[in-house]
Amino acid sequence: MKVAKKILSIVKNKYFIASVIFLAWMFWFDPKDIPSDIARRNKYSDLQNSEKHLTELIAKTKSELNELKTNAQTIEKYAREKYLMKKDNEDLFILPADSTAK
């Protein structure tokens, strides 16, 4: 009986009620609620990782472009590998990449 009265007095406390209302407001009704904030932080982290990946890709592409502009052998290699071009007196054999190589 004493425990029930103690719990009831805590629940009737105006500070407890105000705290519960405040927490409910912060979790569900506020435009900057906690679950949305966590989702925004995760999205921000994903965007930072994407930016890092794209920056590395841009640097790689710029170095490849610079190499293509300065070296004729690189142009030939690039054309053969990427566009499957060949010289007139050559035969081209395309072998599928086998992912189960032994």
N, C-alpha and C. Protein backbone atom coordinates (compact mmCIF):
# COMPACT_ATOMS: atom_id res chain seq x y z
N MET A 1 0.81 -1.18 0.00
CA MET A 1 0.00 0.00 0.00
C MET A 1 0.87 1.26 0.00
N LYS A 2 1.97 1.21 0.74
CA LYS A 2 2.86 2.37 0.79
C LYS A 2 3.50 2.63 -0.57
N VAL A 3 3.80 1.53 -1.28
CA VAL A 3 4.43 1.67 -2.60
C VAL A 3 3.47 2.33 -3.57
N ALA A 4 2.20 1.94 -3.53
CA ALA A 4 1.19 2.52 -4.42
C ALA A 4 1.01 4.01 -4.15
N LYS A 5 1.00 4.38 -2.88
CA LYS A 5 0.87 5.80 -2.54
C LYS A 5 2.09 6.59 -3.01
N LYS A 6 3.27 5.98 -2.88
CA LYS A 6 4.51 6.65 -3.29
C LYS A 6 4.51 6.87 -4.81
N ILE A 7 4.10 5.84 -5.55
CA ILE A 7 4.04 5.94 -7.02
C ILE A 7 2.99 6.97 -7.43
N LEU A 8 1.85 6.95 -6.77
CA LEU A 8 0.79 7.90 -7.08
C LEU A 8 1.23 9.34 -6.80
N SER A 9 1.98 9.54 -5.72
CA SER A 9 2.45 10.89 -5.42
C SER A 9 3.48 11.36 -6.46
N ILE A 10 4.28 10.42 -6.97
CA ILE A 10 5.26 10.79 -8.01
C ILE A 10 4.54 11.15 -9.30
N VAL A 11 3.53 10.36 -9.65
CA VAL A 11 2.78 10.60 -10.90
C VAL A 11 1.99 11.90 -10.83
N LYS A 12 1.53 12.28 -9.67
CA LYS A 12 0.78 13.52 -9.51
C LYS A 12 1.69 14.75 -9.41
N ASN A 13 2.97 14.54 -9.27
CA ASN A 13 3.91 15.64 -9.14
C ASN A 13 3.90 16.48 -10.42
N LYS A 14 3.82 17.81 -10.27
CA LYS A 14 3.72 18.69 -11.43
C LYS A 14 5.01 18.68 -12.27
N TYR A 15 6.14 18.46 -11.64
CA TYR A 15 7.41 18.40 -12.39
C TYR A 15 7.49 17.12 -13.22
N PHE A 16 6.97 16.03 -12.68
CA PHE A 16 6.95 14.77 -13.42
C PHE A 16 6.03 14.89 -14.64
N ILE A 17 4.87 15.48 -14.42
CA ILE A 17 3.92 15.66 -15.53
C ILE A 17 4.52 16.57 -16.60
N ALA A 18 5.15 17.66 -16.18
CA ALA A 18 5.77 18.58 -17.14
C ALA A 18 6.90 17.89 -17.90
N SER A 19 7.67 17.07 -17.22
CA SER A 19 8.77 16.35 -17.88
C SER A 19 8.23 15.35 -18.91
N VAL A 20 7.18 14.64 -18.57
CA VAL A 20 6.58 13.68 -19.50
C VAL A 20 6.02 14.39 -20.72
N ILE A 21 5.34 15.49 -20.52
CA ILE A 21 4.80 16.26 -21.63
C ILE A 21 5.94 16.81 -22.50
N PHE A 22 6.99 17.32 -21.87
CA PHE A 22 8.13 17.83 -22.61
C PHE A 22 8.79 16.73 -23.45
N LEU A 23 9.01 15.56 -22.86
CA LEU A 23 9.63 14.47 -23.60
C LEU A 23 8.74 13.99 -24.75
N ALA A 24 7.44 13.93 -24.49
CA ALA A 24 6.52 13.53 -25.56
C ALA A 24 6.57 14.55 -26.70
N TRP A 25 6.60 15.82 -26.35
CA TRP A 25 6.68 16.87 -27.37
C TRP A 25 7.99 16.74 -28.17
N MET A 26 9.10 16.52 -27.48
CA MET A 26 10.40 16.43 -28.16
C MET A 26 10.50 15.18 -29.03
N PHE A 27 9.86 14.10 -28.65
CA PHE A 27 9.96 12.86 -29.42
C PHE A 27 9.01 12.81 -30.61
N TRP A 28 7.83 13.42 -30.51
CA TRP A 28 6.84 13.21 -31.57
C TRP A 28 6.37 14.47 -32.29
N PHE A 29 6.27 15.59 -31.61
CA PHE A 29 5.59 16.73 -32.22
C PHE A 29 6.52 17.84 -32.69
N ASP A 30 7.69 17.94 -32.17
CA ASP A 30 8.61 19.01 -32.52
C ASP A 30 9.16 18.80 -33.93
N PRO A 31 9.32 19.86 -34.73
CA PRO A 31 9.90 19.70 -36.08
C PRO A 31 11.33 19.15 -36.04
N LYS A 32 12.02 19.37 -34.97
CA LYS A 32 13.39 18.86 -34.82
C LYS A 32 13.40 17.73 -33.79
N ASP A 33 12.48 16.79 -33.93
CA ASP A 33 12.38 15.70 -32.96
C ASP A 33 13.59 14.77 -33.05
N ILE A 34 13.78 13.99 -32.05
CA ILE A 34 14.98 13.15 -31.91
C ILE A 34 15.07 12.08 -33.00
N PRO A 35 14.01 11.33 -33.32
CA PRO A 35 14.15 10.34 -34.41
C PRO A 35 14.49 10.97 -35.76
N SER A 36 13.91 12.12 -36.06
CA SER A 36 14.24 12.80 -37.31
C SER A 36 15.69 13.29 -37.29
N ASP A 37 16.14 13.74 -36.13
CA ASP A 37 17.53 14.19 -36.01
C ASP A 37 18.50 13.04 -36.25
N ILE A 38 18.18 11.87 -35.72
CA ILE A 38 19.03 10.69 -35.94
C ILE A 38 19.04 10.33 -37.41
N ALA A 39 17.88 10.37 -38.06
CA ALA A 39 17.79 10.06 -39.50
C ALA A 39 18.59 11.07 -40.31
N ARG A 40 18.51 12.36 -39.93
CA ARG A 40 19.28 13.40 -40.64
C ARG A 40 20.78 13.19 -40.47
N ARG A 41 21.20 12.79 -39.29
CA ARG A 41 22.63 12.54 -39.06
C ARG A 41 23.12 11.35 -39.89
N ASN A 42 22.30 10.30 -39.99
CA ASN A 42 22.67 9.15 -40.81
C ASN A 42 22.75 9.54 -42.28
N LYS A 43 21.81 10.33 -42.74
CA LYS A 43 21.81 10.81 -44.13
C LYS A 43 23.05 11.67 -44.38
N TYR A 44 23.39 12.52 -43.43
CA TYR A 44 24.58 13.37 -43.56
C TYR A 44 25.84 12.53 -43.65
N SER A 45 25.92 11.49 -42.84
CA SER A 45 27.07 10.59 -42.89
C SER A 45 27.15 9.89 -44.24
N ASP A 46 26.01 9.43 -44.75
CA ASP A 46 25.99 8.79 -46.06
C ASP A 46 26.44 9.76 -47.15
N LEU A 47 25.98 11.00 -47.07
CA LEU A 47 26.36 12.01 -48.06
C LEU A 47 27.86 12.32 -47.98
N GLN A 48 28.42 12.35 -46.78
CA GLN A 48 29.85 12.58 -46.65
C GLN A 48 30.65 11.44 -47.28
N ASN A 49 30.21 10.20 -47.05
CA ASN A 49 30.88 9.05 -47.66
C ASN A 49 30.77 9.10 -49.17
N SER A 50 29.61 9.50 -49.67
CA SER A 50 29.41 9.61 -51.11
C SER A 50 30.31 10.71 -51.68
N GLU A 51 30.42 11.82 -50.98
CA GLU A 51 31.28 12.92 -51.43
C GLU A 51 32.74 12.46 -51.49
N LYS A 52 33.17 11.73 -50.49
CA LYS A 52 34.55 11.23 -50.46
C LYS A 52 34.80 10.30 -51.65
N HIS A 53 33.86 9.39 -51.91
CA HIS A 53 33.99 8.46 -53.02
C HIS A 53 34.03 9.21 -54.36
N LEU A 54 33.14 10.18 -54.52
CA LEU A 54 33.10 10.93 -55.78
C LEU A 54 34.34 11.79 -55.96
N THR A 55 34.88 12.34 -54.88
CA THR A 55 36.12 13.12 -54.97
C THR A 55 37.27 12.24 -55.43
N GLU A 56 37.34 11.03 -54.89
CA GLU A 56 38.38 10.08 -55.32
C GLU A 56 38.19 9.71 -56.79
N LEU A 57 36.95 9.52 -57.20
CA LEU A 57 36.65 9.17 -58.58
C LEU A 57 37.02 10.31 -59.53
N ILE A 58 36.76 11.54 -59.13
CA ILE A 58 37.12 12.70 -59.94
C ILE A 58 38.63 12.81 -60.08
N ALA A 59 39.35 12.60 -58.99
CA ALA A 59 40.82 12.66 -59.04
C ALA A 59 41.36 11.57 -59.97
N LYS A 60 40.81 10.38 -59.88
CA LYS A 60 41.24 9.28 -60.74
C LYS A 60 40.95 9.61 -62.21
N THR A 61 39.78 10.15 -62.48
CA THR A 61 39.41 10.49 -63.86
C THR A 61 40.29 11.61 -64.40
N LYS A 62 40.61 12.60 -63.56
CA LYS A 62 41.49 13.69 -64.01
C LYS A 62 42.88 13.17 -64.35
N SER A 63 43.40 12.26 -63.52
CA SER A 63 44.73 11.72 -63.82
C SER A 63 44.69 10.86 -65.08
N GLU A 64 43.60 10.13 -65.29
CA GLU A 64 43.44 9.33 -66.50
C GLU A 64 43.35 10.24 -67.72
N LEU A 65 42.63 11.33 -67.62
CA LEU A 65 42.50 12.28 -68.73
C LEU A 65 43.85 12.92 -69.04
N ASN A 66 44.58 13.27 -68.01
CA ASN A 66 45.91 13.86 -68.22
C ASN A 66 46.83 12.87 -68.92
N GLU A 67 46.74 11.61 -68.53
CA GLU A 67 47.56 10.57 -69.16
C GLU A 67 47.14 10.38 -70.62
N LEU A 68 45.86 10.45 -70.89
CA LEU A 68 45.39 10.31 -72.27
C LEU A 68 45.82 11.49 -73.14
N LYS A 69 45.89 12.67 -72.55
CA LYS A 69 46.30 13.86 -73.31
C LYS A 69 47.78 13.86 -73.62
N THR A 70 48.59 13.19 -72.81
CA THR A 70 50.03 13.30 -72.97
C THR A 70 50.70 12.07 -73.58
N ASN A 71 50.04 10.92 -73.60
CA ASN A 71 50.71 9.70 -74.01
C ASN A 71 49.89 8.99 -75.10
N ALA A 72 50.50 8.79 -76.28
CA ALA A 72 49.81 8.15 -77.40
C ALA A 72 49.57 6.66 -77.13
N GLN A 73 50.50 6.03 -76.45
CA GLN A 73 50.32 4.61 -76.15
C GLN A 73 49.14 4.38 -75.20
N THR A 74 48.93 5.30 -74.33
CA THR A 74 47.80 5.21 -73.41
C THR A 74 46.48 5.33 -74.16
N ILE A 75 46.46 6.19 -75.18
CA ILE A 75 45.25 6.33 -75.99
C ILE A 75 44.93 5.00 -76.69
N GLU A 76 45.95 4.37 -77.25
CA GLU A 76 45.75 3.09 -77.93
C GLU A 76 45.27 2.03 -76.93
N LYS A 77 45.91 1.97 -75.78
CA LYS A 77 45.52 0.99 -74.75
C LYS A 77 44.08 1.22 -74.30
N TYR A 78 43.72 2.48 -74.09
CA TYR A 78 42.37 2.83 -73.66
C TYR A 78 41.34 2.42 -74.71
N ALA A 79 41.64 2.71 -75.97
CA ALA A 79 40.70 2.36 -77.05
C ALA A 79 40.54 0.85 -77.17
N ARG A 80 41.62 0.11 -77.00
CA ARG A 80 41.55 -1.35 -77.10
C ARG A 80 40.76 -1.94 -75.92
N GLU A 81 40.99 -1.45 -74.72
CA GLU A 81 40.33 -2.02 -73.55
C GLU A 81 38.89 -1.58 -73.38
N LYS A 82 38.62 -0.31 -73.55
CA LYS A 82 37.29 0.22 -73.26
C LYS A 82 36.32 0.06 -74.44
N TYR A 83 36.82 0.27 -75.66
CA TYR A 83 35.94 0.27 -76.82
C TYR A 83 36.15 -0.92 -77.74
N LEU A 84 37.03 -1.85 -77.35
CA LEU A 84 37.30 -3.08 -78.09
C LEU A 84 37.69 -2.80 -79.55
N MET A 85 38.48 -1.75 -79.74
CA MET A 85 38.97 -1.43 -81.09
C MET A 85 40.18 -2.29 -81.40
N LYS A 86 40.43 -2.47 -82.72
CA LYS A 86 41.55 -3.29 -83.13
C LYS A 86 42.14 -2.71 -84.41
N LYS A 87 43.34 -3.18 -84.71
CA LYS A 87 43.98 -2.77 -85.96
C LYS A 87 43.40 -3.61 -87.09
N ASP A 88 43.67 -3.20 -88.35
CA ASP A 88 43.09 -3.88 -89.50
C ASP A 88 43.55 -5.33 -89.63
N ASN A 89 44.78 -5.59 -89.31
CA ASN A 89 45.32 -6.94 -89.52
C ASN A 89 45.25 -7.80 -88.25
N GLU A 90 44.39 -7.49 -87.33
CA GLU A 90 44.28 -8.23 -86.08
C GLU A 90 42.91 -8.90 -85.96
N ASP A 91 42.89 -9.98 -85.20
CA ASP A 91 41.64 -10.62 -84.83
C ASP A 91 41.42 -10.37 -83.34
N LEU A 92 40.20 -10.16 -82.97
CA LEU A 92 39.88 -9.84 -81.59
C LEU A 92 39.06 -10.97 -80.99
N PHE A 93 39.55 -11.53 -79.90
CA PHE A 93 38.84 -12.60 -79.19
C PHE A 93 38.45 -12.08 -77.80
N ILE A 94 37.17 -12.12 -77.53
CA ILE A 94 36.68 -11.63 -76.24
C ILE A 94 36.32 -12.84 -75.39
N LEU A 95 37.02 -12.97 -74.26
CA LEU A 95 36.78 -14.08 -73.34
C LEU A 95 35.97 -13.56 -72.16
N PRO A 96 34.90 -14.28 -71.82
CA PRO A 96 34.11 -13.82 -70.66
C PRO A 96 34.90 -13.99 -69.38
N ALA A 97 34.71 -13.06 -68.48
CA ALA A 97 35.39 -13.15 -67.18
C ALA A 97 34.71 -14.23 -66.36
N ASP A 98 35.47 -15.25 -65.97
CA ASP A 98 34.93 -16.36 -65.20
C ASP A 98 35.13 -16.09 -63.73
N SER A 99 34.03 -15.94 -62.98
CA SER A 99 34.14 -15.61 -61.56
C SER A 99 34.48 -16.83 -60.72
N THR A 100 34.36 -18.03 -61.31
CA THR A 100 34.69 -19.25 -60.57
C THR A 100 36.01 -19.83 -61.06
N ALA A 101 37.03 -18.98 -61.15
CA ALA A 101 38.34 -19.43 -61.62
C ALA A 101 38.96 -20.38 -60.61
N LYS A 102 39.57 -21.44 -61.13
CA LYS A 102 40.17 -22.44 -60.23
C LYS A 102 41.64 -22.24 -60.06
